[in-house]
Protein backbone atom coordinates (compact mmCIF):
# COMPACT_ATOMS: atom_id res chain seq x y z
CA MET A 1 0.00 0.00 0.00
CA ASP A 2 1.06 3.47 -0.74
CA ARG A 3 1.55 6.01 1.99
CA ARG A 4 -0.79 8.37 0.12
CA ASP A 5 -3.63 5.90 0.43
CA GLU A 6 -3.31 5.76 4.20
CA PHE A 7 -3.18 9.49 4.87
CA GLU A 8 -5.17 12.22 3.22
CA THR A 9 -3.20 14.96 1.57
CA GLU A 10 -3.47 18.53 2.78
CA GLU A 11 -5.38 19.47 -0.36
CA GLU A 12 -8.04 16.83 0.25
CA ILE A 13 -8.45 17.93 3.86
CA PHE A 14 -8.75 21.55 2.76
CA LEU A 15 -11.28 20.71 0.03
CA ARG A 16 -13.39 18.61 2.42
CA GLY A 17 -13.43 21.45 4.97
CA LEU A 18 -14.30 23.92 2.24
CA ARG A 19 -17.22 21.78 1.06
CA GLN A 20 -18.53 21.49 4.61
CA SER A 21 -18.29 25.26 5.10
CA ILE A 22 -20.13 25.90 1.84
CA ASP A 23 -22.87 23.44 2.82
CA ARG A 24 -23.28 25.18 6.20
CA MET A 25 -23.49 28.57 4.46
CA ASP A 26 -26.14 27.27 2.08
CA HIS A 27 -28.27 26.20 5.03
CA VAL A 28 -27.83 29.49 6.87
CA LEU A 29 -28.46 31.86 3.97
CA ASP A 30 -31.93 32.30 2.57
CA HIS A 31 -32.26 31.72 -1.10
CA PRO A 32 -33.73 34.77 -2.80
CA SER A 33 -36.81 34.17 -4.83
CA THR A 34 -36.38 34.60 -8.55
CA PRO A 35 -38.42 37.48 -9.95
CA SER A 36 -41.20 36.78 -12.36
CA LYS A 37 -41.17 37.85 -15.98
CA GLU A 38 -43.69 40.62 -15.25
CA GLN A 39 -41.56 42.00 -12.42
CA LEU A 40 -38.54 42.11 -14.69
CA LYS A 41 -40.51 43.83 -17.46
CA GLY A 42 -41.86 46.38 -14.96
CA HIS A 43 -38.37 47.05 -13.63
CA ILE A 44 -37.01 47.52 -17.16
CA HIS A 45 -39.91 49.80 -18.11
CA GLU A 46 -39.44 51.90 -14.97
CA ARG A 47 -35.72 52.21 -15.61
CA ILE A 48 -36.30 53.27 -19.22
CA GLN A 49 -38.80 55.90 -18.07
CA ARG A 50 -36.34 57.29 -15.49
CA ARG A 51 -33.57 57.39 -18.06
CA ARG A 52 -35.80 59.14 -20.59
CA LYS A 53 -36.82 61.76 -18.01
CA SER A 54 -33.21 62.37 -17.01
CA MET A 55 -32.18 62.75 -20.66
CA ILE A 56 -34.98 65.24 -21.29
CA MET A 57 -33.97 67.22 -18.20
CA GLU A 58 -30.33 67.19 -19.31
CA LEU A 59 -31.29 68.43 -22.78
CA LEU A 60 -33.44 71.23 -21.35
CA LEU A 61 -30.62 72.32 -19.04
CA PHE A 62 -28.19 72.27 -21.96
CA TRP A 63 -30.50 74.51 -24.00
CA LEU A 64 -30.98 76.88 -21.09
CA VAL A 65 -27.25 77.21 -20.43
CA SER A 66 -26.48 77.62 -24.12
CA LEU A 67 -29.11 80.37 -24.42
CA PHE A 68 -27.53 82.20 -21.48
CA VAL A 69 -24.05 81.87 -23.00
CA ILE A 70 -25.15 82.99 -26.46
CA GLY A 71 -27.26 85.80 -25.02
CA GLY A 72 -24.38 86.96 -22.85
CA GLY A 73 -22.06 86.91 -25.84
CA VAL A 74 -24.48 88.93 -27.96
CA LEU A 75 -24.97 91.47 -25.19
CA LEU A 76 -21.22 91.75 -24.77
CA VAL A 77 -20.72 92.32 -28.51
CA TYR A 78 -23.35 95.07 -28.60
CA SER A 79 -22.32 96.79 -25.38
CA ALA A 80 -18.54 96.54 -25.49
CA SER A 81 -17.20 95.02 -28.69
CA TRP A 82 -13.62 95.89 -27.73
CA ILE A 83 -13.84 93.34 -24.87
CA VAL A 84 -14.79 90.62 -27.35
CA TRP A 85 -11.84 91.52 -29.59
CA LEU A 86 -9.56 91.51 -26.56
CA ILE A 87 -10.78 88.05 -25.49
CA GLN A 88 -10.38 86.72 -29.05
CA GLY A 89 -6.86 88.15 -29.30
CA ILE A 90 -5.78 86.70 -25.94
CA SER A 91 -7.23 83.31 -26.91
CA PHE A 92 -5.36 83.32 -30.23
CA VAL A 93 -2.05 84.29 -28.65
CA THR A 94 -2.45 81.66 -25.90
CA ALA A 95 -3.26 78.93 -28.43
CA PHE A 96 -0.28 79.94 -30.57
CA VAL A 97 2.08 79.83 -27.55
CA ILE A 98 0.78 76.39 -26.52
CA VAL A 99 1.24 74.98 -30.03
CA VAL A 100 4.77 76.35 -30.30
CA HIS A 101 5.64 75.02 -26.82
CA PHE A 102 4.44 71.49 -27.61
CA ASN A 103 6.13 71.60 -31.01
CA ILE A 104 9.48 72.49 -29.40
CA ASP A 105 9.06 69.81 -26.70
CA GLY A 106 8.25 67.22 -29.38
CA ARG A 107 11.40 68.02 -31.28
CA LYS A 108 13.52 67.81 -28.13
CA GLU A 109 12.11 64.35 -27.34
CA GLY A 110 12.74 63.24 -30.90
CA LEU A 111 16.42 64.17 -30.67
CA ARG A 112 17.04 62.15 -27.52
């Protein structure tokens, strides 16, 4: 007879203990009832309705904010057009500086 036959290996002891623990847990825990088809359909319908309402609200808020931004821009152009030209000029110069900076950094990395 082999020595393995006489004594259980550590793995077998561990697996047996694990199975017993799982069986005890199955007895302790309540099994949840599976929902019916109608409950699932109702849940899906409710979720779709909530999502649709949230999307409509988001769209309305987007329109409202965009109207305020466009209206503010138009008022700014009519009241003080020099401010608009100043903002446009600063934006252009900033964008140009950023592009030149990244272009120079890219060339330095390419040389290394």
